[in-house]
Amino acid sequence: MIKRIVQFFKGVLAKGPNKEEQNTINDLLSPEAQQAFYHMTVADQRHTLHVMKTAVDIAEKQGLADSIDMDFLKRCCLLHDIGRGPRMNSIRKTYGVLLDKFFHEWSVNNSQCSSDSYFKEIMYRYYNHPEIGCGELMKMGMIHEADIVLRHHNGKNEELLANEQAVLKVLMEADSLS
């Protein structure tokens, strides 16, 4: 519970990328992918930047930095939550967490498609952001990144190359710590 409260306040108080981080984003992402990154809420931008830094540390500590494509890992980290969209702010995410915890069955049953209903739209984004983000990346031609983003919550690594499996594992670990 304390972790969620801290997470909420970090989201509310989050600041956008600094100059150094902006340069990293510009170096790693195409203009179209940059637009998708900056379309996220500032809290999600900060979260994905933290996930990226954590993933780099994990890869280095596990001796993977020389065996996996680190730029690919960083792109996946930066883009893994683009499916949340620009409106999934800290308040909406809090509603999503609470509805999932206390009204799980209703939440799952009402998350199947985008809706004009405030709470149904929240649950749609809450549960389906990997699929939404995957679709956005596919449209950009970022097929391998899309595969990782699609699986970043379920961990299903069938049909992924060994490099991609390692990237998915590191991303999931970093995401769980952030």
N, C-alpha and C. Protein backbone atom coordinates (compact mmCIF):
# COMPACT_ATOMS: atom_id res chain seq x y z
N MET A 1 0.81 -1.19 0.00
CA MET A 1 0.00 0.00 0.00
C MET A 1 0.86 1.27 0.00
N ILE A 2 1.90 1.25 0.82
CA ILE A 2 2.81 2.41 0.89
C ILE A 2 3.46 2.63 -0.47
N LYS A 3 3.84 1.55 -1.13
CA LYS A 3 4.47 1.67 -2.46
C LYS A 3 3.53 2.40 -3.42
N ARG A 4 2.25 2.07 -3.37
CA ARG A 4 1.27 2.71 -4.27
C ARG A 4 1.09 4.19 -3.94
N ILE A 5 1.14 4.53 -2.67
CA ILE A 5 1.00 5.93 -2.26
C ILE A 5 2.21 6.72 -2.75
N VAL A 6 3.38 6.16 -2.56
CA VAL A 6 4.61 6.81 -3.05
C VAL A 6 4.54 6.96 -4.56
N GLN A 7 4.09 5.91 -5.25
CA GLN A 7 3.95 5.93 -6.70
C GLN A 7 3.00 7.05 -7.14
N PHE A 8 1.91 7.22 -6.42
CA PHE A 8 0.94 8.27 -6.73
C PHE A 8 1.60 9.65 -6.64
N PHE A 9 2.28 9.90 -5.54
CA PHE A 9 2.89 11.22 -5.36
C PHE A 9 4.03 11.47 -6.35
N LYS A 10 4.78 10.43 -6.68
CA LYS A 10 5.81 10.58 -7.72
C LYS A 10 5.17 10.96 -9.04
N GLY A 11 4.04 10.35 -9.35
CA GLY A 11 3.33 10.66 -10.59
C GLY A 11 2.81 12.08 -10.62
N VAL A 12 2.23 12.51 -9.52
CA VAL A 12 1.66 13.86 -9.44
C VAL A 12 2.75 14.92 -9.52
N LEU A 13 3.90 14.63 -8.93
CA LEU A 13 4.99 15.61 -8.87
C LEU A 13 6.02 15.45 -9.99
N ALA A 14 5.80 14.52 -10.89
CA ALA A 14 6.78 14.21 -11.94
C ALA A 14 7.09 15.43 -12.82
N LYS A 15 8.34 15.47 -13.24
CA LYS A 15 8.78 16.51 -14.17
C LYS A 15 9.18 15.83 -15.48
N GLY A 16 9.00 16.55 -16.56
CA GLY A 16 9.36 16.02 -17.87
C GLY A 16 10.85 15.80 -18.00
N PRO A 17 11.26 15.24 -19.12
CA PRO A 17 12.67 14.94 -19.35
C PRO A 17 13.53 16.21 -19.33
N ASN A 18 14.72 16.09 -18.72
CA ASN A 18 15.67 17.20 -18.76
C ASN A 18 16.40 17.19 -20.11
N LYS A 19 17.29 18.13 -20.31
CA LYS A 19 17.99 18.26 -21.61
C LYS A 19 18.75 17.00 -21.98
N GLU A 20 19.46 16.43 -21.03
CA GLU A 20 20.23 15.21 -21.30
C GLU A 20 19.30 14.06 -21.70
N GLU A 21 18.20 13.93 -20.98
CA GLU A 21 17.24 12.88 -21.30
C GLU A 21 16.58 13.13 -22.66
N GLN A 22 16.28 14.39 -22.97
CA GLN A 22 15.73 14.73 -24.28
C GLN A 22 16.69 14.34 -25.39
N ASN A 23 17.98 14.58 -25.18
CA ASN A 23 18.98 14.19 -26.18
C ASN A 23 19.00 12.67 -26.37
N THR A 24 18.90 11.94 -25.27
CA THR A 24 18.87 10.47 -25.35
C THR A 24 17.64 10.02 -26.14
N ILE A 25 16.49 10.61 -25.83
CA ILE A 25 15.24 10.27 -26.52
C ILE A 25 15.38 10.56 -28.02
N ASN A 26 15.93 11.71 -28.34
CA ASN A 26 16.11 12.10 -29.75
C ASN A 26 17.07 11.17 -30.48
N ASP A 27 18.10 10.69 -29.77
CA ASP A 27 19.08 9.77 -30.38
C ASP A 27 18.49 8.39 -30.62
N LEU A 28 17.61 7.95 -29.72
CA LEU A 28 17.10 6.58 -29.78
C LEU A 28 15.85 6.41 -30.62
N LEU A 29 15.01 7.44 -30.65
CA LEU A 29 13.69 7.30 -31.26
C LEU A 29 13.56 8.11 -32.54
N SER A 30 12.85 7.56 -33.50
CA SER A 30 12.51 8.29 -34.71
C SER A 30 11.59 9.44 -34.35
N PRO A 31 11.44 10.43 -35.23
CA PRO A 31 10.52 11.53 -34.92
C PRO A 31 9.10 11.05 -34.58
N GLU A 32 8.62 10.04 -35.28
CA GLU A 32 7.29 9.52 -35.01
C GLU A 32 7.22 8.85 -33.63
N ALA A 33 8.26 8.11 -33.27
CA ALA A 33 8.30 7.47 -31.95
C ALA A 33 8.48 8.51 -30.85
N GLN A 34 9.24 9.57 -31.14
CA GLN A 34 9.38 10.67 -30.18
C GLN A 34 8.01 11.29 -29.90
N GLN A 35 7.25 11.48 -30.95
CA GLN A 35 5.91 12.05 -30.80
C GLN A 35 5.05 11.15 -29.90
N ALA A 36 5.14 9.85 -30.09
CA ALA A 36 4.38 8.92 -29.24
C ALA A 36 4.85 9.00 -27.80
N PHE A 37 6.17 9.11 -27.59
CA PHE A 37 6.71 9.24 -26.24
C PHE A 37 6.18 10.50 -25.57
N TYR A 38 6.28 11.62 -26.25
CA TYR A 38 5.86 12.89 -25.66
C TYR A 38 4.33 13.03 -25.57
N HIS A 39 3.62 12.11 -26.20
CA HIS A 39 2.16 12.10 -26.12
C HIS A 39 1.69 11.49 -24.79
N MET A 40 2.59 10.73 -24.13
CA MET A 40 2.26 10.16 -22.82
C MET A 40 2.20 11.28 -21.79
N THR A 41 1.60 10.99 -20.66
CA THR A 41 1.61 11.95 -19.56
C THR A 41 3.05 12.13 -19.07
N VAL A 42 3.31 13.24 -18.42
CA VAL A 42 4.65 13.49 -17.87
C VAL A 42 5.02 12.39 -16.87
N ALA A 43 4.03 11.94 -16.10
CA ALA A 43 4.30 10.86 -15.14
C ALA A 43 4.74 9.58 -15.86
N ASP A 44 4.10 9.25 -16.97
CA ASP A 44 4.51 8.05 -17.73
C ASP A 44 5.86 8.27 -18.40
N GLN A 45 6.13 9.46 -18.87
CA GLN A 45 7.46 9.76 -19.44
C GLN A 45 8.53 9.53 -18.37
N ARG A 46 8.28 10.07 -17.18
CA ARG A 46 9.25 9.91 -16.08
C ARG A 46 9.39 8.44 -15.74
N HIS A 47 8.27 7.72 -15.66
CA HIS A 47 8.30 6.29 -15.35
C HIS A 47 9.13 5.52 -16.37
N THR A 48 8.90 5.76 -17.65
CA THR A 48 9.62 5.00 -18.67
C THR A 48 11.11 5.35 -18.68
N LEU A 49 11.44 6.59 -18.40
CA LEU A 49 12.86 6.96 -18.28
C LEU A 49 13.50 6.24 -17.10
N HIS A 50 12.77 6.13 -16.00
CA HIS A 50 13.29 5.40 -14.84
C HIS A 50 13.44 3.92 -15.16
N VAL A 51 12.46 3.37 -15.87
CA VAL A 51 12.56 1.96 -16.28
C VAL A 51 13.79 1.76 -17.16
N MET A 52 14.04 2.69 -18.07
CA MET A 52 15.20 2.57 -18.96
C MET A 52 16.50 2.57 -18.15
N LYS A 53 16.64 3.49 -17.23
CA LYS A 53 17.86 3.56 -16.41
C LYS A 53 18.03 2.30 -15.58
N THR A 54 16.94 1.82 -15.01
CA THR A 54 16.97 0.60 -14.20
C THR A 54 17.33 -0.60 -15.08
N ALA A 55 16.77 -0.67 -16.27
CA ALA A 55 17.05 -1.79 -17.19
C ALA A 55 18.52 -1.81 -17.60
N VAL A 56 19.09 -0.66 -17.86
CA VAL A 56 20.51 -0.58 -18.22
C VAL A 56 21.36 -1.11 -17.05
N ASP A 57 21.03 -0.69 -15.83
CA ASP A 57 21.75 -1.18 -14.65
C ASP A 57 21.63 -2.69 -14.51
N ILE A 58 20.42 -3.21 -14.70
CA ILE A 58 20.19 -4.67 -14.60
C ILE A 58 21.01 -5.40 -15.66
N ALA A 59 20.94 -4.93 -16.90
CA ALA A 59 21.67 -5.59 -17.98
C ALA A 59 23.17 -5.59 -17.71
N GLU A 60 23.68 -4.49 -17.19
CA GLU A 60 25.11 -4.42 -16.88
C GLU A 60 25.47 -5.36 -15.73
N LYS A 61 24.66 -5.39 -14.68
CA LYS A 61 24.93 -6.25 -13.53
C LYS A 61 24.84 -7.73 -13.89
N GLN A 62 23.97 -8.06 -14.84
CA GLN A 62 23.80 -9.45 -15.25
C GLN A 62 24.75 -9.85 -16.38
N GLY A 63 25.61 -8.94 -16.77
CA GLY A 63 26.57 -9.22 -17.83
C GLY A 63 25.95 -9.35 -19.21
N LEU A 64 24.81 -8.70 -19.41
CA LEU A 64 24.11 -8.80 -20.69
C LEU A 64 24.41 -7.63 -21.63
N ALA A 65 25.06 -6.60 -21.12
CA ALA A 65 25.24 -5.37 -21.91
C ALA A 65 26.00 -5.60 -23.21
N ASP A 66 26.85 -6.62 -23.24
CA ASP A 66 27.61 -6.90 -24.46
C ASP A 66 26.90 -7.91 -25.37
N SER A 67 25.89 -8.60 -24.85
CA SER A 67 25.26 -9.65 -25.65
C SER A 67 23.87 -9.27 -26.17
N ILE A 68 23.31 -8.17 -25.70
CA ILE A 68 22.02 -7.73 -26.23
C ILE A 68 22.17 -6.34 -26.83
N ASP A 69 21.24 -6.00 -27.67
CA ASP A 69 21.22 -4.67 -28.30
C ASP A 69 20.68 -3.68 -27.28
N MET A 70 21.59 -2.92 -26.68
CA MET A 70 21.21 -2.00 -25.61
C MET A 70 20.31 -0.87 -26.11
N ASP A 71 20.51 -0.41 -27.34
CA ASP A 71 19.63 0.62 -27.89
C ASP A 71 18.21 0.08 -28.07
N PHE A 72 18.11 -1.18 -28.48
CA PHE A 72 16.80 -1.83 -28.61
C PHE A 72 16.13 -1.91 -27.24
N LEU A 73 16.88 -2.32 -26.23
CA LEU A 73 16.36 -2.37 -24.86
C LEU A 73 15.85 -1.00 -24.43
N LYS A 74 16.65 0.02 -24.67
CA LYS A 74 16.26 1.38 -24.26
C LYS A 74 15.01 1.85 -24.99
N ARG A 75 14.91 1.56 -26.30
CA ARG A 75 13.70 1.94 -27.04
C ARG A 75 12.46 1.25 -26.47
N CYS A 76 12.59 -0.03 -26.19
CA CYS A 76 11.46 -0.78 -25.62
C CYS A 76 11.05 -0.19 -24.27
N CYS A 77 12.02 0.18 -23.46
CA CYS A 77 11.70 0.78 -22.16
C CYS A 77 10.98 2.10 -22.32
N LEU A 78 11.49 2.95 -23.20
CA LEU A 78 10.88 4.27 -23.40
C LEU A 78 9.46 4.17 -23.93
N LEU A 79 9.17 3.14 -24.71
CA LEU A 79 7.89 3.05 -25.40
C LEU A 79 6.92 2.03 -24.81
N HIS A 80 7.31 1.34 -23.75
CA HIS A 80 6.48 0.22 -23.28
C HIS A 80 5.10 0.63 -22.78
N ASP A 81 4.90 1.88 -22.41
CA ASP A 81 3.59 2.30 -21.90
C ASP A 81 2.89 3.33 -22.78
N ILE A 82 3.29 3.44 -24.05
CA ILE A 82 2.64 4.44 -24.92
C ILE A 82 1.16 4.15 -25.11
N GLY A 83 0.75 2.91 -24.90
CA GLY A 83 -0.65 2.55 -25.06
C GLY A 83 -1.56 3.14 -23.99
N ARG A 84 -0.99 3.66 -22.94
CA ARG A 84 -1.81 4.32 -21.91
C ARG A 84 -2.40 5.62 -22.43
N GLY A 85 -1.69 6.25 -23.34
CA GLY A 85 -2.21 7.48 -23.94
C GLY A 85 -2.01 8.70 -23.07
N PRO A 86 -2.47 9.83 -23.57
CA PRO A 86 -2.21 11.10 -22.90
C PRO A 86 -3.12 11.41 -21.72
N ARG A 87 -4.18 10.64 -21.55
CA ARG A 87 -5.15 10.97 -20.50
C ARG A 87 -5.05 10.07 -19.27
N MET A 88 -4.17 9.09 -19.28
CA MET A 88 -4.06 8.16 -18.15
C MET A 88 -3.15 8.75 -17.08
N ASN A 89 -3.62 9.82 -16.46
CA ASN A 89 -2.84 10.52 -15.45
C ASN A 89 -2.86 9.76 -14.12
N SER A 90 -2.24 10.34 -13.10
CA SER A 90 -2.12 9.66 -11.80
C SER A 90 -3.47 9.38 -11.16
N ILE A 91 -4.42 10.28 -11.31
CA ILE A 91 -5.76 10.05 -10.74
C ILE A 91 -6.42 8.87 -11.43
N ARG A 92 -6.39 8.84 -12.77
CA ARG A 92 -7.01 7.74 -13.51
C ARG A 92 -6.32 6.41 -13.20
N LYS A 93 -4.99 6.43 -13.10
CA LYS A 93 -4.28 5.19 -12.75
C LYS A 93 -4.67 4.72 -11.36
N THR A 94 -4.87 5.66 -10.44
CA THR A 94 -5.30 5.29 -9.10
C THR A 94 -6.68 4.64 -9.15
N TYR A 95 -7.59 5.22 -9.92
CA TYR A 95 -8.90 4.59 -10.10
C TYR A 95 -8.74 3.18 -10.66
N GLY A 96 -7.86 3.04 -11.65
CA GLY A 96 -7.64 1.73 -12.25
C GLY A 96 -7.16 0.70 -11.24
N VAL A 97 -6.18 1.08 -10.42
CA VAL A 97 -5.65 0.18 -9.40
C VAL A 97 -6.74 -0.19 -8.40
N LEU A 98 -7.50 0.81 -7.94
CA LEU A 98 -8.55 0.54 -6.94
C LEU A 98 -9.69 -0.30 -7.51
N LEU A 99 -10.11 0.03 -8.72
CA LEU A 99 -11.18 -0.77 -9.34
C LEU A 99 -10.73 -2.20 -9.57
N ASP A 100 -9.48 -2.37 -10.01
CA ASP A 100 -8.96 -3.72 -10.23
C ASP A 100 -8.91 -4.49 -8.91
N LYS A 101 -8.49 -3.84 -7.85
CA LYS A 101 -8.36 -4.52 -6.56
C LYS A 101 -9.71 -4.84 -5.91
N PHE A 102 -10.63 -3.88 -5.91
CA PHE A 102 -11.87 -4.06 -5.17
C PHE A 102 -13.06 -4.51 -6.02
N PHE A 103 -12.99 -4.28 -7.33
CA PHE A 103 -14.07 -4.67 -8.23
C PHE A 103 -13.48 -5.35 -9.47
N HIS A 104 -12.65 -6.35 -9.22
CA HIS A 104 -11.89 -6.97 -10.30
C HIS A 104 -12.78 -7.54 -11.40
N GLU A 105 -13.78 -8.29 -11.02
CA GLU A 105 -14.65 -8.91 -12.04
C GLU A 105 -15.33 -7.84 -12.89
N TRP A 106 -15.89 -6.81 -12.25
CA TRP A 106 -16.52 -5.73 -13.01
C TRP A 106 -15.48 -5.07 -13.91
N SER A 107 -14.29 -4.83 -13.39
CA SER A 107 -13.24 -4.16 -14.15
C SER A 107 -12.88 -4.94 -15.41
N VAL A 108 -12.67 -6.23 -15.25
CA VAL A 108 -12.31 -7.07 -16.40
C VAL A 108 -13.45 -7.11 -17.40
N ASN A 109 -14.67 -7.28 -16.91
CA ASN A 109 -15.84 -7.34 -17.80
C ASN A 109 -16.10 -6.04 -18.55
N ASN A 110 -15.64 -4.93 -18.00
CA ASN A 110 -15.90 -3.63 -18.62
C ASN A 110 -14.65 -3.00 -19.23
N SER A 111 -13.69 -3.83 -19.58
CA SER A 111 -12.44 -3.33 -20.15
C SER A 111 -12.22 -3.78 -21.59
N GLN A 112 -13.24 -4.35 -22.18
CA GLN A 112 -13.05 -4.99 -23.48
C GLN A 112 -12.92 -4.03 -24.66
N CYS A 113 -13.48 -2.84 -24.55
CA CYS A 113 -13.36 -1.90 -25.65
C CYS A 113 -13.39 -0.47 -25.12
N SER A 114 -12.85 0.42 -25.91
CA SER A 114 -12.85 1.83 -25.56
C SER A 114 -14.30 2.30 -25.43
N SER A 115 -14.54 3.20 -24.51
CA SER A 115 -15.91 3.60 -24.21
C SER A 115 -15.97 5.08 -23.86
N ASP A 116 -17.17 5.63 -23.98
CA ASP A 116 -17.40 7.00 -23.53
C ASP A 116 -17.54 7.06 -22.01
N SER A 117 -17.75 5.91 -21.39
CA SER A 117 -17.86 5.85 -19.94
C SER A 117 -16.49 6.11 -19.31
N TYR A 118 -16.44 7.03 -18.38
CA TYR A 118 -15.19 7.43 -17.74
C TYR A 118 -14.44 6.23 -17.17
N PHE A 119 -15.11 5.42 -16.36
CA PHE A 119 -14.44 4.31 -15.69
C PHE A 119 -14.16 3.14 -16.64
N LYS A 120 -15.02 2.91 -17.60
CA LYS A 120 -14.76 1.84 -18.57
C LYS A 120 -13.55 2.19 -19.44
N GLU A 121 -13.41 3.46 -19.81
CA GLU A 121 -12.25 3.89 -20.59
C GLU A 121 -10.97 3.71 -19.78
N ILE A 122 -11.02 4.03 -18.50
CA ILE A 122 -9.86 3.82 -17.63
C ILE A 122 -9.47 2.35 -17.61
N MET A 123 -10.44 1.47 -17.41
CA MET A 123 -10.13 0.05 -17.32
C MET A 123 -9.67 -0.51 -18.66
N TYR A 124 -10.21 0.01 -19.75
CA TYR A 124 -9.75 -0.41 -21.07
C TYR A 124 -8.26 -0.11 -21.22
N ARG A 125 -7.85 1.11 -20.90
CA ARG A 125 -6.43 1.49 -21.00
C ARG A 125 -5.58 0.75 -19.97
N TYR A 126 -6.12 0.59 -18.78
CA TYR A 126 -5.39 -0.07 -17.69
C TYR A 126 -4.98 -1.50 -18.09
N TYR A 127 -5.94 -2.26 -18.60
CA TYR A 127 -5.66 -3.65 -18.96
C TYR A 127 -5.07 -3.84 -20.35
N ASN A 128 -5.42 -2.97 -21.28
CA ASN A 128 -5.08 -3.21 -22.69
C ASN A 128 -3.96 -2.33 -23.24
N HIS A 129 -3.28 -1.57 -22.40
CA HIS A 129 -2.25 -0.68 -22.94
C HIS A 129 -1.12 -1.42 -23.66
N PRO A 130 -0.76 -2.66 -23.30
CA PRO A 130 0.25 -3.34 -24.11
C PRO A 130 -0.20 -3.58 -25.56
N GLU A 131 -1.46 -4.01 -25.72
CA GLU A 131 -1.98 -4.25 -27.06
C GLU A 131 -2.12 -2.95 -27.85
N ILE A 132 -2.58 -1.89 -27.17
CA ILE A 132 -2.72 -0.59 -27.83
C ILE A 132 -1.36 -0.07 -28.26
N GLY A 133 -0.39 -0.13 -27.35
CA GLY A 133 0.98 0.32 -27.68
C GLY A 133 1.59 -0.50 -28.79
N CYS A 134 1.36 -1.80 -28.78
CA CYS A 134 1.86 -2.68 -29.84
C CYS A 134 1.31 -2.23 -31.19
N GLY A 135 0.02 -1.95 -31.24
CA GLY A 135 -0.60 -1.49 -32.48
C GLY A 135 0.01 -0.19 -32.98
N GLU A 136 0.26 0.73 -32.05
CA GLU A 136 0.86 2.01 -32.44
C GLU A 136 2.26 1.80 -33.01
N LEU A 137 3.04 0.93 -32.38
CA LEU A 137 4.40 0.66 -32.84
C LEU A 137 4.41 -0.07 -34.18
N MET A 138 3.46 -0.97 -34.38
CA MET A 138 3.37 -1.67 -35.66
C MET A 138 3.12 -0.67 -36.79
N LYS A 139 2.26 0.32 -36.55
CA LYS A 139 1.99 1.34 -37.57
C LYS A 139 3.25 2.13 -37.90
N MET A 140 4.16 2.25 -36.94
CA MET A 140 5.42 2.97 -37.16
C MET A 140 6.49 2.09 -37.79
N GLY A 141 6.19 0.81 -37.95
CA GLY A 141 7.17 -0.13 -38.50
C GLY A 141 8.16 -0.64 -37.47
N MET A 142 7.88 -0.43 -36.21
CA MET A 142 8.76 -0.89 -35.13
C MET A 142 8.28 -2.25 -34.64
N ILE A 143 8.42 -3.24 -35.51
CA ILE A 143 7.83 -4.56 -35.29
C ILE A 143 8.44 -5.27 -34.09
N HIS A 144 9.75 -5.24 -33.96
CA HIS A 144 10.40 -5.96 -32.85
C HIS A 144 10.08 -5.29 -31.51
N GLU A 145 10.07 -3.97 -31.49
CA GLU A 145 9.69 -3.25 -30.27
C GLU A 145 8.23 -3.56 -29.93
N ALA A 146 7.39 -3.63 -30.95
CA ALA A 146 5.97 -3.94 -30.73
C ALA A 146 5.81 -5.30 -30.06
N ASP A 147 6.60 -6.29 -30.50
CA ASP A 147 6.54 -7.63 -29.89
C ASP A 147 6.87 -7.59 -28.40
N ILE A 148 7.86 -6.80 -28.04
CA ILE A 148 8.26 -6.70 -26.63
C ILE A 148 7.18 -5.95 -25.84
N VAL A 149 6.71 -4.83 -26.36
CA VAL A 149 5.69 -4.03 -25.67
C VAL A 149 4.43 -4.87 -25.44
N LEU A 150 4.03 -5.64 -26.42
CA LEU A 150 2.85 -6.49 -26.30
C LEU A 150 2.96 -7.46 -25.12
N ARG A 151 4.17 -7.93 -24.86
CA ARG A 151 4.37 -8.99 -23.86
C ARG A 151 4.89 -8.49 -22.52
N HIS A 152 5.02 -7.18 -22.35
CA HIS A 152 5.72 -6.68 -21.16
C HIS A 152 4.97 -6.92 -19.84
N HIS A 153 3.72 -7.35 -19.89
CA HIS A 153 3.02 -7.73 -18.66
C HIS A 153 2.82 -9.23 -18.55
N ASN A 154 2.67 -9.91 -19.68
CA ASN A 154 2.38 -11.34 -19.59
C ASN A 154 3.64 -12.21 -19.68
N GLY A 155 4.73 -11.67 -20.19
CA GLY A 155 6.00 -12.39 -20.23
C GLY A 155 6.08 -13.54 -21.22
N LYS A 156 5.07 -13.69 -22.06
CA LYS A 156 5.08 -14.79 -23.03
C LYS A 156 6.19 -14.54 -24.05
N ASN A 157 7.20 -15.39 -24.01
CA ASN A 157 8.36 -15.15 -24.88
C ASN A 157 8.50 -16.15 -26.02
N GLU A 158 7.43 -16.93 -26.26
CA GLU A 158 7.47 -17.84 -27.39
C GLU A 158 7.64 -17.01 -28.67
N GLU A 159 8.32 -17.58 -29.62
CA GLU A 159 8.54 -16.98 -30.94
C GLU A 159 9.44 -15.74 -30.91
N LEU A 160 10.02 -15.41 -29.76
CA LEU A 160 10.98 -14.31 -29.71
C LEU A 160 12.38 -14.89 -29.88
N LEU A 161 13.23 -14.13 -30.51
CA LEU A 161 14.64 -14.50 -30.61
C LEU A 161 15.27 -14.43 -29.23
N ALA A 162 16.41 -15.09 -29.05
CA ALA A 162 17.07 -15.11 -27.73
C ALA A 162 17.36 -13.69 -27.24
N ASN A 163 17.83 -12.81 -28.12
CA ASN A 163 18.10 -11.42 -27.76
C ASN A 163 16.82 -10.74 -27.27
N GLU A 164 15.72 -10.97 -27.98
CA GLU A 164 14.45 -10.36 -27.61
C GLU A 164 13.93 -10.91 -26.29
N GLN A 165 14.15 -12.21 -26.05
CA GLN A 165 13.74 -12.82 -24.77
C GLN A 165 14.49 -12.16 -23.62
N ALA A 166 15.78 -11.93 -23.81
CA ALA A 166 16.58 -11.28 -22.76
C ALA A 166 16.11 -9.85 -22.53
N VAL A 167 15.81 -9.13 -23.60
CA VAL A 167 15.31 -7.76 -23.49
C VAL A 167 13.98 -7.74 -22.74
N LEU A 168 13.08 -8.64 -23.09
CA LEU A 168 11.78 -8.71 -22.41
C LEU A 168 11.97 -8.98 -20.92
N LYS A 169 12.83 -9.90 -20.59
CA LYS A 169 13.06 -10.25 -19.18
C LYS A 169 13.60 -9.04 -18.41
N VAL A 170 14.57 -8.34 -18.98
CA VAL A 170 15.15 -7.18 -18.31
C VAL A 170 14.11 -6.06 -18.18
N LEU A 171 13.34 -5.81 -19.25
CA LEU A 171 12.30 -4.78 -19.20
C LEU A 171 11.28 -5.10 -18.11
N MET A 172 10.83 -6.33 -18.04
CA MET A 172 9.83 -6.71 -17.03
C MET A 172 10.37 -6.54 -15.62
N GLU A 173 11.61 -6.91 -15.41
CA GLU A 173 12.21 -6.75 -14.09
C GLU A 173 12.33 -5.26 -13.74
N ALA A 174 12.82 -4.47 -14.68
CA ALA A 174 12.97 -3.03 -14.44
C ALA A 174 11.61 -2.36 -14.20
N ASP A 175 10.60 -2.77 -14.97
CA ASP A 175 9.26 -2.20 -14.82
C ASP A 175 8.70 -2.54 -13.44
N SER A 176 8.93 -3.74 -12.97
CA SER A 176 8.40 -4.15 -11.66
C SER A 176 9.08 -3.39 -10.52
N LEU A 177 10.29 -2.91 -10.75
CA LEU A 177 11.03 -2.16 -9.72
C LEU A 177 10.74 -0.66 -9.77
N SER A 178 10.06 -0.21 -10.81
CA SER A 178 9.88 1.24 -11.00
C SER A 178 8.48 1.70 -10.65
